[in-house]
Amino acid sequence: MINKFKLSYNLLNLIFKMGIYLKITNSTEVVKKKTSKWLSDITPERIDRKLVEDEVIKGIIEQLTLEGIKGEISAVNGFEVKDSQLITTNSFIIRKTEIF
């Protein structure tokens, strides 16, 4: 009985730890479109990416909350997906986590 419980618990744990990968590739263009050209020219790309990620996270939380979905969303730096493989770097860091 204990093994069956352990297997079920581990399966549930695995199921609820799945995630969705979203890579934003045009953050500079989005910032340029939403602000002045001058401002977008002086901000580094990593700042543009952070601003766009924060707005996307805010929108995702709003939509999921409207659907009655509860969960957690994180902005993570230092990894990418190539050919269905997760690749991490030494700079892997969770920048921000929101629980909704």
N, C-alpha and C. Protein backbone atom coordinates (compact mmCIF):
# COMPACT_ATOMS: atom_id res chain seq x y z
N MET A 1 0.82 -1.20 0.00
CA MET A 1 0.00 0.00 0.00
C MET A 1 0.87 1.27 0.00
N ILE A 2 1.97 1.24 0.73
CA ILE A 2 2.84 2.41 0.78
C ILE A 2 3.44 2.69 -0.59
N ASN A 3 3.89 1.68 -1.30
CA ASN A 3 4.46 1.88 -2.63
C ASN A 3 3.45 2.49 -3.59
N LYS A 4 2.20 2.03 -3.50
CA LYS A 4 1.14 2.57 -4.36
C LYS A 4 0.93 4.05 -4.06
N PHE A 5 0.91 4.40 -2.78
CA PHE A 5 0.74 5.81 -2.40
C PHE A 5 1.93 6.62 -2.90
N LYS A 6 3.14 6.12 -2.72
CA LYS A 6 4.33 6.82 -3.16
C LYS A 6 4.30 7.07 -4.66
N LEU A 7 3.92 6.06 -5.41
CA LEU A 7 3.84 6.19 -6.86
C LEU A 7 2.80 7.24 -7.24
N SER A 8 1.64 7.17 -6.60
CA SER A 8 0.59 8.15 -6.90
C SER A 8 1.04 9.56 -6.55
N TYR A 9 1.67 9.71 -5.39
CA TYR A 9 2.16 11.01 -4.96
C TYR A 9 3.20 11.53 -5.95
N ASN A 10 4.14 10.69 -6.33
CA ASN A 10 5.18 11.11 -7.28
C ASN A 10 4.59 11.47 -8.63
N LEU A 11 3.59 10.72 -9.08
CA LEU A 11 2.92 11.03 -10.34
C LEU A 11 2.22 12.38 -10.26
N LEU A 12 1.50 12.62 -9.17
CA LEU A 12 0.82 13.91 -9.00
C LEU A 12 1.83 15.05 -8.95
N ASN A 13 2.91 14.82 -8.24
CA ASN A 13 3.96 15.82 -8.14
C ASN A 13 4.51 16.16 -9.52
N LEU A 14 4.74 15.16 -10.34
CA LEU A 14 5.26 15.36 -11.69
C LEU A 14 4.25 16.13 -12.54
N ILE A 15 3.00 15.75 -12.46
CA ILE A 15 1.96 16.40 -13.26
C ILE A 15 1.85 17.88 -12.92
N PHE A 16 1.89 18.22 -11.64
CA PHE A 16 1.69 19.61 -11.25
C PHE A 16 2.95 20.45 -11.36
N LYS A 17 4.07 19.88 -11.73
CA LYS A 17 5.29 20.65 -11.91
C LYS A 17 5.59 20.91 -13.38
N MET A 18 4.69 20.55 -14.25
CA MET A 18 4.87 20.83 -15.67
C MET A 18 4.73 22.32 -15.91
N GLY A 19 5.28 22.81 -16.98
CA GLY A 19 5.20 24.22 -17.25
C GLY A 19 5.10 24.51 -18.73
N ILE A 20 5.03 25.78 -19.03
CA ILE A 20 4.96 26.26 -20.40
C ILE A 20 6.15 27.18 -20.61
N TYR A 21 6.83 27.01 -21.71
CA TYR A 21 7.99 27.84 -22.05
C TYR A 21 7.53 28.90 -23.05
N LEU A 22 7.82 30.15 -22.77
CA LEU A 22 7.47 31.26 -23.66
C LEU A 22 8.72 32.11 -23.85
N LYS A 23 9.16 32.23 -25.08
CA LYS A 23 10.33 33.04 -25.38
C LYS A 23 9.87 34.24 -26.20
N ILE A 24 10.11 35.43 -25.68
CA ILE A 24 9.75 36.66 -26.38
C ILE A 24 10.96 37.10 -27.19
N THR A 25 10.79 37.22 -28.50
CA THR A 25 11.94 37.50 -29.37
C THR A 25 11.95 38.91 -29.94
N ASN A 26 10.92 39.69 -29.65
CA ASN A 26 10.88 41.05 -30.23
C ASN A 26 10.62 42.12 -29.17
N SER A 27 11.21 41.98 -28.00
CA SER A 27 10.94 42.92 -26.92
C SER A 27 11.33 44.35 -27.26
N THR A 28 12.44 44.54 -27.95
CA THR A 28 12.88 45.89 -28.32
C THR A 28 11.87 46.56 -29.24
N GLU A 29 11.34 45.80 -30.21
CA GLU A 29 10.34 46.36 -31.13
C GLU A 29 9.05 46.72 -30.39
N VAL A 30 8.67 45.89 -29.43
CA VAL A 30 7.45 46.18 -28.65
C VAL A 30 7.63 47.44 -27.84
N VAL A 31 8.77 47.59 -27.19
CA VAL A 31 9.03 48.80 -26.40
C VAL A 31 9.06 50.02 -27.31
N LYS A 32 9.66 49.88 -28.49
CA LYS A 32 9.73 50.98 -29.45
C LYS A 32 8.32 51.42 -29.87
N LYS A 33 7.45 50.44 -30.08
CA LYS A 33 6.08 50.73 -30.52
C LYS A 33 5.26 51.39 -29.40
N LYS A 34 5.52 50.99 -28.14
CA LYS A 34 4.73 51.48 -27.01
C LYS A 34 5.27 52.76 -26.40
N THR A 35 6.53 53.10 -26.70
CA THR A 35 7.13 54.31 -26.13
C THR A 35 7.74 55.13 -27.26
N SER A 36 8.48 56.15 -26.87
CA SER A 36 9.14 56.96 -27.90
C SER A 36 10.37 56.25 -28.44
N LYS A 37 10.74 56.57 -29.66
CA LYS A 37 11.92 55.97 -30.28
C LYS A 37 13.16 56.33 -29.46
N TRP A 38 13.20 57.54 -28.95
CA TRP A 38 14.34 58.00 -28.17
C TRP A 38 14.53 57.12 -26.93
N LEU A 39 13.45 56.83 -26.21
CA LEU A 39 13.54 56.01 -25.01
C LEU A 39 14.00 54.59 -25.35
N SER A 40 13.47 54.03 -26.41
CA SER A 40 13.86 52.67 -26.77
C SER A 40 15.30 52.60 -27.26
N ASP A 41 15.80 53.69 -27.81
CA ASP A 41 17.19 53.71 -28.27
C ASP A 41 18.19 53.74 -27.12
N ILE A 42 17.78 54.30 -25.97
CA ILE A 42 18.73 54.40 -24.86
C ILE A 42 18.61 53.27 -23.85
N THR A 43 17.56 52.45 -23.95
CA THR A 43 17.44 51.35 -23.00
C THR A 43 18.07 50.09 -23.56
N PRO A 44 18.84 49.38 -22.74
CA PRO A 44 19.44 48.13 -23.20
C PRO A 44 18.38 47.06 -23.46
N GLU A 45 18.72 46.11 -24.31
CA GLU A 45 17.77 45.06 -24.68
C GLU A 45 17.28 44.27 -23.46
N ARG A 46 18.13 44.03 -22.48
CA ARG A 46 17.72 43.25 -21.30
C ARG A 46 16.65 43.99 -20.50
N ILE A 47 16.71 45.33 -20.49
CA ILE A 47 15.67 46.12 -19.82
C ILE A 47 14.37 46.01 -20.61
N ASP A 48 14.47 46.11 -21.94
CA ASP A 48 13.28 45.95 -22.79
C ASP A 48 12.63 44.59 -22.54
N ARG A 49 13.44 43.55 -22.49
CA ARG A 49 12.93 42.19 -22.28
C ARG A 49 12.23 42.08 -20.92
N LYS A 50 12.82 42.68 -19.89
CA LYS A 50 12.21 42.64 -18.55
C LYS A 50 10.86 43.36 -18.55
N LEU A 51 10.80 44.53 -19.18
CA LEU A 51 9.55 45.29 -19.23
C LEU A 51 8.45 44.50 -19.94
N VAL A 52 8.80 43.92 -21.09
CA VAL A 52 7.81 43.16 -21.86
C VAL A 52 7.41 41.89 -21.10
N GLU A 53 8.38 41.19 -20.52
CA GLU A 53 8.05 39.98 -19.74
C GLU A 53 7.08 40.31 -18.61
N ASP A 54 7.33 41.40 -17.90
CA ASP A 54 6.46 41.79 -16.78
C ASP A 54 5.03 42.07 -17.26
N GLU A 55 4.90 42.74 -18.40
CA GLU A 55 3.57 43.02 -18.93
C GLU A 55 2.88 41.74 -19.41
N VAL A 56 3.63 40.84 -20.03
CA VAL A 56 3.05 39.57 -20.48
C VAL A 56 2.60 38.74 -19.28
N ILE A 57 3.41 38.69 -18.24
CA ILE A 57 3.05 37.95 -17.02
C ILE A 57 1.78 38.53 -16.42
N LYS A 58 1.71 39.85 -16.36
CA LYS A 58 0.51 40.52 -15.83
C LYS A 58 -0.73 40.12 -16.63
N GLY A 59 -0.62 40.12 -17.96
CA GLY A 59 -1.75 39.76 -18.82
C GLY A 59 -2.14 38.30 -18.67
N ILE A 60 -1.15 37.42 -18.57
CA ILE A 60 -1.43 35.99 -18.39
C ILE A 60 -2.16 35.76 -17.07
N ILE A 61 -1.69 36.40 -16.01
CA ILE A 61 -2.34 36.25 -14.70
C ILE A 61 -3.78 36.74 -14.76
N GLU A 62 -4.00 37.88 -15.40
CA GLU A 62 -5.37 38.41 -15.52
C GLU A 62 -6.28 37.42 -16.24
N GLN A 63 -5.81 36.87 -17.35
CA GLN A 63 -6.63 35.93 -18.13
C GLN A 63 -6.89 34.62 -17.38
N LEU A 64 -5.86 34.07 -16.77
CA LEU A 64 -6.04 32.82 -16.03
C LEU A 64 -6.94 33.01 -14.82
N THR A 65 -6.83 34.14 -14.16
CA THR A 65 -7.69 34.44 -13.01
C THR A 65 -9.15 34.53 -13.45
N LEU A 66 -9.40 35.15 -14.61
CA LEU A 66 -10.77 35.22 -15.14
C LEU A 66 -11.34 33.83 -15.40
N GLU A 67 -10.48 32.88 -15.76
CA GLU A 67 -10.90 31.50 -16.03
C GLU A 67 -11.02 30.68 -14.75
N GLY A 68 -10.67 31.28 -13.61
CA GLY A 68 -10.74 30.57 -12.34
C GLY A 68 -9.53 29.67 -12.08
N ILE A 69 -8.47 29.88 -12.85
CA ILE A 69 -7.26 29.06 -12.70
C ILE A 69 -6.34 29.72 -11.68
N LYS A 70 -5.83 28.90 -10.76
CA LYS A 70 -4.88 29.37 -9.76
C LYS A 70 -3.54 28.72 -10.04
N GLY A 71 -2.48 29.41 -9.73
CA GLY A 71 -1.17 28.83 -9.96
C GLY A 71 -0.04 29.76 -9.62
N GLU A 72 1.07 29.53 -10.26
CA GLU A 72 2.29 30.28 -10.02
C GLU A 72 2.98 30.48 -11.36
N ILE A 73 3.53 31.66 -11.57
CA ILE A 73 4.24 31.96 -12.81
C ILE A 73 5.56 32.63 -12.45
N SER A 74 6.62 32.25 -13.14
CA SER A 74 7.95 32.79 -12.85
C SER A 74 8.61 33.31 -14.12
N ALA A 75 9.37 34.38 -13.96
CA ALA A 75 10.25 34.87 -15.02
C ALA A 75 11.63 34.31 -14.70
N VAL A 76 12.17 33.54 -15.65
CA VAL A 76 13.41 32.83 -15.42
C VAL A 76 14.43 33.25 -16.48
N ASN A 77 15.64 33.54 -16.05
CA ASN A 77 16.74 33.87 -16.96
C ASN A 77 17.77 32.74 -16.91
N GLY A 78 18.49 32.56 -18.01
CA GLY A 78 19.60 31.64 -18.02
C GLY A 78 19.30 30.25 -18.55
N PHE A 79 18.25 30.13 -19.36
CA PHE A 79 18.00 28.85 -20.00
C PHE A 79 17.31 29.08 -21.33
N GLU A 80 17.37 28.08 -22.17
CA GLU A 80 16.67 28.11 -23.45
C GLU A 80 16.32 26.69 -23.86
N VAL A 81 15.45 26.58 -24.82
CA VAL A 81 15.06 25.28 -25.36
C VAL A 81 15.56 25.21 -26.79
N LYS A 82 16.38 24.20 -27.07
CA LYS A 82 16.89 23.97 -28.43
C LYS A 82 16.63 22.52 -28.79
N ASP A 83 15.94 22.31 -29.89
CA ASP A 83 15.65 20.95 -30.36
C ASP A 83 15.05 20.08 -29.25
N SER A 84 14.07 20.62 -28.55
CA SER A 84 13.37 19.93 -27.47
C SER A 84 14.26 19.58 -26.28
N GLN A 85 15.39 20.24 -26.15
CA GLN A 85 16.30 20.02 -25.03
C GLN A 85 16.36 21.31 -24.19
N LEU A 86 16.29 21.16 -22.88
CA LEU A 86 16.43 22.29 -21.98
C LEU A 86 17.91 22.51 -21.70
N ILE A 87 18.38 23.73 -21.98
CA ILE A 87 19.79 24.06 -21.79
C ILE A 87 19.87 25.20 -20.78
N THR A 88 20.61 24.96 -19.69
CA THR A 88 20.77 26.00 -18.67
C THR A 88 22.19 26.55 -18.74
N THR A 89 22.34 27.78 -18.24
CA THR A 89 23.65 28.41 -18.20
C THR A 89 24.02 28.66 -16.74
N ASN A 90 25.24 29.10 -16.52
CA ASN A 90 25.68 29.41 -15.16
C ASN A 90 24.91 30.57 -14.54
N SER A 91 24.29 31.38 -15.38
CA SER A 91 23.55 32.53 -14.88
C SER A 91 22.07 32.22 -14.66
N PHE A 92 21.71 30.94 -14.53
CA PHE A 92 20.32 30.54 -14.31
C PHE A 92 19.80 31.17 -13.02
N ILE A 93 18.70 31.93 -13.15
CA ILE A 93 18.13 32.60 -11.98
C ILE A 93 16.63 32.80 -12.19
N ILE A 94 15.88 32.64 -11.13
CA ILE A 94 14.45 32.97 -11.16
C ILE A 94 14.35 34.44 -10.76
N ARG A 95 13.99 35.26 -11.74
CA ARG A 95 13.96 36.71 -11.54
C ARG A 95 12.76 37.16 -10.72
N LYS A 96 11.65 36.49 -10.92
CA LYS A 96 10.40 36.96 -10.29
C LYS A 96 9.41 35.80 -10.29
N THR A 97 8.66 35.67 -9.21
CA THR A 97 7.60 34.66 -9.15
C THR A 97 6.34 35.33 -8.62
N GLU A 98 5.24 35.05 -9.28
CA GLU A 98 3.93 35.57 -8.87
C GLU A 98 3.00 34.39 -8.61
N ILE A 99 2.30 34.41 -7.50
CA ILE A 99 1.29 33.40 -7.20
C ILE A 99 -0.06 34.06 -7.41
N PHE A 100 -0.94 33.36 -8.11
CA PHE A 100 -2.27 33.94 -8.39
C PHE A 100 -3.35 32.92 -8.11
